[in-house]
Amino acid sequence: MRYTTVVTKRKDLLKNIARYAKETGQPLTIKEGGNHTRIWVGDKYTTIGRRNEIDNLMARKIYKQIGMEN
């Protein structure tokens, strides 16, 4: 049996986070590291790996860490 993984594009994830920050009036800070991108939305913090596609389960965890209801 083969399982398929549903993925979210990294650029779409970043767009959604930026839109959320703008809609809620919170400052958005993005710092690029070597292997990860660090993101602050207000006082909440998360990291996103440097991959083009991110598993949907991981995307939901990232959204939850910064306070987005997904």
PDB file of N, CA and C in Angstrom:
ATOM      1  N   MET A   1       0.840  -1.173   0.000  1.00  0.00           N
ATOM      2  CA  MET A   1       0.000   0.000   0.000  1.00  0.00           C
ATOM      3  C   MET A   1       0.888   1.239   0.000  1.00  0.00           C
ATOM      4  N   ARG A   2       0.578   2.173  -0.855  1.00  0.00           N
ATOM      5  CA  ARG A   2       1.373   3.385  -0.975  1.00  0.00           C
ATOM      6  C   ARG A   2       0.568   4.581  -0.458  1.00  0.00           C
ATOM      7  N   TYR A   3       1.211   5.403   0.371  1.00  0.00           N
ATOM      8  CA  TYR A   3       0.566   6.588   0.919  1.00  0.00           C
ATOM      9  C   TYR A   3       1.071   7.818   0.183  1.00  0.00           C
ATOM     10  N   THR A   4       0.185   8.733  -0.091  1.00  0.00           N
ATOM     11  CA  THR A   4       0.604   9.985  -0.708  1.00  0.00           C
ATOM     12  C   THR A   4       0.534  11.093   0.342  1.00  0.00           C
ATOM     13  N   THR A   5       1.451  11.992   0.263  1.00  0.00           N
ATOM     14  CA  THR A   5       1.519  13.102   1.193  1.00  0.00           C
ATOM     15  C   THR A   5       1.036  14.362   0.490  1.00  0.00           C
ATOM     16  N   VAL A   6       0.099  15.039   1.103  1.00  0.00           N
ATOM     17  CA  VAL A   6      -0.390  16.299   0.554  1.00  0.00           C
ATOM     18  C   VAL A   6       0.537  17.395   1.048  1.00  0.00           C
ATOM     19  N   VAL A   7       0.960  18.250   0.142  1.00  0.00           N
ATOM     20  CA  VAL A   7       1.957  19.258   0.498  1.00  0.00           C
ATOM     21  C   VAL A   7       1.456  20.669   0.201  1.00  0.00           C
ATOM     22  N   THR A   8       2.060  21.620   0.888  1.00  0.00           N
ATOM     23  CA  THR A   8       1.811  23.041   0.691  1.00  0.00           C
ATOM     24  C   THR A   8       3.094  23.652   0.152  1.00  0.00           C
ATOM     25  N   LYS A   9       2.980  24.514  -0.834  1.00  0.00           N
ATOM     26  CA  LYS A   9       4.154  25.205  -1.356  1.00  0.00           C
ATOM     27  C   LYS A   9       4.641  26.213  -0.325  1.00  0.00           C
ATOM     28  N   ARG A  10       5.950  26.325  -0.177  1.00  0.00           N
ATOM     29  CA  ARG A  10       6.555  27.231   0.798  1.00  0.00           C
ATOM     30  C   ARG A  10       6.144  28.678   0.553  1.00  0.00           C
ATOM     31  N   LYS A  11       6.136  29.086  -0.720  1.00  0.00           N
ATOM     32  CA  LYS A  11       5.771  30.466  -1.032  1.00  0.00           C
ATOM     33  C   LYS A  11       4.323  30.756  -0.648  1.00  0.00           C
ATOM     34  N   ASP A  12       3.428  29.773  -0.788  1.00  0.00           N
ATOM     35  CA  ASP A  12       2.031  29.956  -0.382  1.00  0.00           C
ATOM     36  C   ASP A  12       1.913  30.066   1.131  1.00  0.00           C
ATOM     37  N   LEU A  13       2.695  29.279   1.842  1.00  0.00           N
ATOM     38  CA  LEU A  13       2.710  29.333   3.299  1.00  0.00           C
ATOM     39  C   LEU A  13       3.154  30.718   3.771  1.00  0.00           C
ATOM     40  N   LEU A  14       4.217  31.251   3.172  1.00  0.00           N
ATOM     41  CA  LEU A  14       4.706  32.577   3.543  1.00  0.00           C
ATOM     42  C   LEU A  14       3.687  33.667   3.209  1.00  0.00           C
ATOM     43  N   LYS A  15       2.998  33.534   2.060  1.00  0.00           N
ATOM     44  CA  LYS A  15       1.957  34.495   1.694  1.00  0.00           C
ATOM     45  C   LYS A  15       0.826  34.488   2.709  1.00  0.00           C
ATOM     46  N   ASN A  16       0.407  33.300   3.123  1.00  0.00           N
ATOM     47  CA  ASN A  16      -0.678  33.182   4.102  1.00  0.00           C
ATOM     48  C   ASN A  16      -0.292  33.806   5.432  1.00  0.00           C
ATOM     49  N   ILE A  17       0.943  33.605   5.848  1.00  0.00           N
ATOM     50  CA  ILE A  17       1.410  34.187   7.109  1.00  0.00           C
ATOM     51  C   ILE A  17       1.459  35.708   7.006  1.00  0.00           C
ATOM     52  N   ALA A  18       1.962  36.229   5.877  1.00  0.00           N
ATOM     53  CA  ALA A  18       2.029  37.681   5.685  1.00  0.00           C
ATOM     54  C   ALA A  18       0.625  38.284   5.665  1.00  0.00           C
ATOM     55  N   ARG A  19      -0.314  37.623   5.008  1.00  0.00           N
ATOM     56  CA  ARG A  19      -1.692  38.105   4.956  1.00  0.00           C
ATOM     57  C   ARG A  19      -2.308  38.127   6.354  1.00  0.00           C
ATOM     58  N   TYR A  20      -2.048  37.074   7.136  1.00  0.00           N
ATOM     59  CA  TYR A  20      -2.566  36.998   8.506  1.00  0.00           C
ATOM     60  C   TYR A  20      -2.014  38.139   9.362  1.00  0.00           C
ATOM     61  N   ALA A  21      -0.720  38.387   9.251  1.00  0.00           N
ATOM     62  CA  ALA A  21      -0.098  39.458  10.035  1.00  0.00           C
ATOM     63  C   ALA A  21      -0.704  40.814   9.664  1.00  0.00           C
ATOM     64  N   LYS A  22      -0.915  41.040   8.381  1.00  0.00           N
ATOM     65  CA  LYS A  22      -1.475  42.317   7.928  1.00  0.00           C
ATOM     66  C   LYS A  22      -2.920  42.471   8.402  1.00  0.00           C
ATOM     67  N   GLU A  23      -3.716  41.409   8.278  1.00  0.00           N
ATOM     68  CA  GLU A  23      -5.122  41.473   8.674  1.00  0.00           C
ATOM     69  C   GLU A  23      -5.294  41.695  10.171  1.00  0.00           C
ATOM     70  N   THR A  24      -4.380  41.165  10.971  1.00  0.00           N
ATOM     71  CA  THR A  24      -4.482  41.299  12.421  1.00  0.00           C
ATOM     72  C   THR A  24      -3.696  42.494  12.955  1.00  0.00           C
ATOM     73  N   GLY A  25      -2.995  43.210  12.069  1.00  0.00           N
ATOM     74  CA  GLY A  25      -2.258  44.402  12.474  1.00  0.00           C
ATOM     75  C   GLY A  25      -1.029  44.112  13.314  1.00  0.00           C
ATOM     76  N   GLN A  26      -0.448  42.942  13.137  1.00  0.00           N
ATOM     77  CA  GLN A  26       0.745  42.561  13.898  1.00  0.00           C
ATOM     78  C   GLN A  26       1.991  42.738  13.042  1.00  0.00           C
ATOM     79  N   PRO A  27       3.105  43.086  13.674  1.00  0.00           N
ATOM     80  CA  PRO A  27       4.348  43.205  12.896  1.00  0.00           C
ATOM     81  C   PRO A  27       4.843  41.827  12.457  1.00  0.00           C
ATOM     82  N   LEU A  28       5.384  41.775  11.253  1.00  0.00           N
ATOM     83  CA  LEU A  28       5.929  40.537  10.693  1.00  0.00           C
ATOM     84  C   LEU A  28       7.423  40.729  10.507  1.00  0.00           C
ATOM     85  N   THR A  29       8.215  39.825  11.082  1.00  0.00           N
ATOM     86  CA  THR A  29       9.664  39.858  10.932  1.00  0.00           C
ATOM     87  C   THR A  29      10.112  38.523  10.368  1.00  0.00           C
ATOM     88  N   ILE A  30      10.873  38.568   9.282  1.00  0.00           N
ATOM     89  CA  ILE A  30      11.381  37.354   8.638  1.00  0.00           C
ATOM     90  C   ILE A  30      12.891  37.449   8.571  1.00  0.00           C
ATOM     91  N   LYS A  31      13.572  36.441   9.099  1.00  0.00           N
ATOM     92  CA  LYS A  31      15.038  36.385   9.038  1.00  0.00           C
ATOM     93  C   LYS A  31      15.441  35.076   8.384  1.00  0.00           C
ATOM     94  N   GLU A  32      16.229  35.199   7.330  1.00  0.00           N
ATOM     95  CA  GLU A  32      16.701  34.025   6.603  1.00  0.00           C
ATOM     96  C   GLU A  32      17.971  33.499   7.249  1.00  0.00           C
ATOM     97  N   GLY A  33      17.974  32.212   7.535  1.00  0.00           N
ATOM     98  CA  GLY A  33      19.154  31.552   8.060  1.00  0.00           C
ATOM     99  C   GLY A  33      19.739  30.644   7.001  1.00  0.00           C
ATOM    100  N   GLY A  34      20.644  29.777   7.397  1.00  0.00           N
ATOM    101  CA  GLY A  34      21.263  28.872   6.443  1.00  0.00           C
ATOM    102  C   GLY A  34      20.323  27.801   5.941  1.00  0.00           C
ATOM    103  N   ASN A  35      19.624  27.139   6.866  1.00  0.00           N
ATOM    104  CA  ASN A  35      18.729  26.045   6.495  1.00  0.00           C
ATOM    105  C   ASN A  35      17.271  26.304   6.816  1.00  0.00           C
ATOM    106  N   HIS A  36      16.998  27.359   7.564  1.00  0.00           N
ATOM    107  CA  HIS A  36      15.641  27.659   7.980  1.00  0.00           C
ATOM    108  C   HIS A  36      15.356  29.154   7.865  1.00  0.00           C
ATOM    109  N   THR A  37      14.084  29.476   7.815  1.00  0.00           N
ATOM    110  CA  THR A  37      13.622  30.858   7.860  1.00  0.00           C
ATOM    111  C   THR A  37      12.928  31.048   9.195  1.00  0.00           C
ATOM    112  N   ARG A  38      13.323  32.078   9.941  1.00  0.00           N
ATOM    113  CA  ARG A  38      12.700  32.363  11.235  1.00  0.00           C
ATOM    114  C   ARG A  38      11.665  33.449  11.033  1.00  0.00           C
ATOM    115  N   ILE A  39      10.495  33.253  11.593  1.00  0.00           N
ATOM    116  CA  ILE A  39       9.393  34.183  11.394  1.00  0.00           C
ATOM    117  C   ILE A  39       8.779  34.547  12.737  1.00  0.00           C
ATOM    118  N   TRP A  40       8.607  35.855  12.944  1.00  0.00           N
ATOM    119  CA  TRP A  40       7.892  36.364  14.109  1.00  0.00           C
ATOM    120  C   TRP A  40       6.655  37.085  13.616  1.00  0.00           C
ATOM    121  N   VAL A  41       5.508  36.738  14.190  1.00  0.00           N
ATOM    122  CA  VAL A  41       4.267  37.471  13.959  1.00  0.00           C
ATOM    123  C   VAL A  41       3.866  37.990  15.327  1.00  0.00           C
ATOM    124  N   GLY A  42       4.034  39.296  15.525  1.00  0.00           N
ATOM    125  CA  GLY A  42       3.847  39.857  16.860  1.00  0.00           C
ATOM    126  C   GLY A  42       4.921  39.297  17.764  1.00  0.00           C
ATOM    127  N   ASP A  43       4.517  38.648  18.854  1.00  0.00           N
ATOM    128  CA  ASP A  43       5.487  38.050  19.777  1.00  0.00           C
ATOM    129  C   ASP A  43       5.575  36.533  19.627  1.00  0.00           C
ATOM    130  N   LYS A  44       4.884  35.974  18.626  1.00  0.00           N
ATOM    131  CA  LYS A  44       4.924  34.518  18.397  1.00  0.00           C
ATOM    132  C   LYS A  44       5.957  34.208  17.323  1.00  0.00           C
ATOM    133  N   TYR A  45       6.598  33.046  17.473  1.00  0.00           N
ATOM    134  CA  TYR A  45       7.777  32.702  16.684  1.00  0.00           C
ATOM    135  C   TYR A  45       7.641  31.300  16.110  1.00  0.00           C
ATOM    136  N   THR A  46       8.136  31.099  14.905  1.00  0.00           N
ATOM    137  CA  THR A  46       8.211  29.764  14.309  1.00  0.00           C
ATOM    138  C   THR A  46       9.370  29.713  13.327  1.00  0.00           C
ATOM    139  N   THR A  47       9.726  28.523  12.914  1.00  0.00           N
ATOM    140  CA  THR A  47      10.748  28.347  11.878  1.00  0.00           C
ATOM    141  C   THR A  47      10.160  27.511  10.747  1.00  0.00           C
ATOM    142  N   ILE A  48      10.619  27.808   9.544  1.00  0.00           N
ATOM    143  CA  ILE A  48      10.179  27.062   8.365  1.00  0.00           C
ATOM    144  C   ILE A  48      11.427  26.557   7.662  1.00  0.00           C
ATOM    145  N   GLY A  49      11.440  25.277   7.347  1.00  0.00           N
ATOM    146  CA  GLY A  49      12.574  24.684   6.653  1.00  0.00           C
ATOM    147  C   GLY A  49      12.723  25.237   5.245  1.00  0.00           C
ATOM    148  N   ARG A  50      13.905  25.160   4.717  1.00  0.00           N
ATOM    149  CA  ARG A  50      14.212  25.690   3.396  1.00  0.00           C
ATOM    150  C   ARG A  50      13.915  24.629   2.343  1.00  0.00           C
ATOM    151  N   ARG A  51      12.633  24.304   2.176  1.00  0.00           N
ATOM    152  CA  ARG A  51      12.206  23.335   1.174  1.00  0.00           C
ATOM    153  C   ARG A  51      11.102  23.966   0.338  1.00  0.00           C
ATOM    154  N   ASN A  52      10.958  23.552  -0.901  1.00  0.00           N
ATOM    155  CA  ASN A  52       9.912  24.111  -1.758  1.00  0.00           C
ATOM    156  C   ASN A  52       8.529  23.619  -1.362  1.00  0.00           C
ATOM    157  N   GLU A  53       8.447  22.400  -0.851  1.00  0.00           N
ATOM    158  CA  GLU A  53       7.169  21.832  -0.464  1.00  0.00           C
ATOM    159  C   GLU A  53       7.219  21.428   1.003  1.00  0.00           C
ATOM    160  N   ILE A  54       6.139  21.767   1.722  1.00  0.00           N
ATOM    161  CA  ILE A  54       6.051  21.464   3.149  1.00  0.00           C
ATOM    162  C   ILE A  54       4.825  20.605   3.365  1.00  0.00           C
ATOM    163  N   ASP A  55       4.982  19.514   4.085  1.00  0.00           N
ATOM    164  CA  ASP A  55       3.886  18.616   4.390  1.00  0.00           C
ATOM    165  C   ASP A  55       2.750  19.389   5.073  1.00  0.00           C
ATOM    166  N   ASN A  56       1.501  19.072   4.738  1.00  0.00           N
ATOM    167  CA  ASN A  56       0.360  19.803   5.305  1.00  0.00           C
ATOM    168  C   ASN A  56       0.289  19.711   6.820  1.00  0.00           C
ATOM    169  N   LEU A  57       0.681  18.592   7.394  1.00  0.00           N
ATOM    170  CA  LEU A  57       0.682  18.466   8.850  1.00  0.00           C
ATOM    171  C   LEU A  57       1.669  19.471   9.455  1.00  0.00           C
ATOM    172  N   MET A  58       2.834  19.609   8.857  1.00  0.00           N
ATOM    173  CA  MET A  58       3.816  20.578   9.335  1.00  0.00           C
ATOM    174  C   MET A  58       3.300  22.001   9.136  1.00  0.00           C
ATOM    175  N   ALA A  59       2.645  22.268   8.015  1.00  0.00           N
ATOM    176  CA  ALA A  59       2.088  23.600   7.766  1.00  0.00           C
ATOM    177  C   ALA A  59       1.053  23.952   8.837  1.00  0.00           C
ATOM    178  N   ARG A  60       0.209  23.019   9.207  1.00  0.00           N
ATOM    179  CA  ARG A  60      -0.779  23.273  10.253  1.00  0.00           C
ATOM    180  C   ARG A  60      -0.103  23.569  11.583  1.00  0.00           C
ATOM    181  N   LYS A  61       0.985  22.873  11.885  1.00  0.00           N
ATOM    182  CA  LYS A  61       1.724  23.130  13.122  1.00  0.00           C
ATOM    183  C   LYS A  61       2.353  24.518  13.106  1.00  0.00           C
ATOM    184  N   ILE A  62       2.873  24.925  11.958  1.00  0.00           N
ATOM    185  CA  ILE A  62       3.469  26.256  11.821  1.00  0.00           C
ATOM    186  C   ILE A  62       2.404  27.324  12.033  1.00  0.00           C
ATOM    187  N   TYR A  63       1.239  27.151  11.401  1.00  0.00           N
ATOM    188  CA  TYR A  63       0.145  28.104  11.578  1.00  0.00           C
ATOM    189  C   TYR A  63      -0.279  28.192  13.041  1.00  0.00           C
ATOM    190  N   LYS A  64      -0.331  27.054  13.702  1.00  0.00           N
ATOM    191  CA  LYS A  64      -0.742  27.032  15.110  1.00  0.00           C
ATOM    192  C   LYS A  64       0.270  27.759  16.000  1.00  0.00           C
ATOM    193  N   GLN A  65       1.563  27.615  15.698  1.00  0.00           N
ATOM    194  CA  GLN A  65       2.604  28.243  16.502  1.00  0.00           C
ATOM    195  C   GLN A  65       2.512  29.767  16.472  1.00  0.00           C
ATOM    196  N   ILE A  66       2.047  30.334  15.366  1.00  0.00           N
ATOM    197  CA  ILE A  66       1.956  31.785  15.288  1.00  0.00           C
ATOM    198  C   ILE A  66       0.545  32.301  15.566  1.00  0.00           C
ATOM    199  N   GLY A  67      -0.366  31.399  15.921  1.00  0.00           N
ATOM    200  CA  GLY A  67      -1.693  31.825  16.343  1.00  0.00           C
ATOM    201  C   GLY A  67      -2.748  31.851  15.250  1.00  0.00           C
ATOM    202  N   MET A  68      -2.439  31.334  14.088  1.00  0.00           N
ATOM    203  CA  MET A  68      -3.443  31.277  13.020  1.00  0.00           C
ATOM    204  C   MET A  68      -4.358  30.093  13.275  1.00  0.00           C
ATOM    205  N   GLU A  69      -5.636  30.298  13.107  1.00  0.00           N
ATOM    206  CA  GLU A  69      -6.578  29.193  13.216  1.00  0.00           C
ATOM    207  C   GLU A  69      -6.706  28.569  11.837  1.00  0.00           C
ATOM    208  N   ASN A  70      -6.312  27.319  11.708  1.00  0.00           N
ATOM    209  CA  ASN A  70      -6.361  26.661  10.411  1.00  0.00           C
ATOM    210  C   ASN A  70      -7.180  25.409  10.469  1.00  0.00           C
TER     211      ASN A  70
END
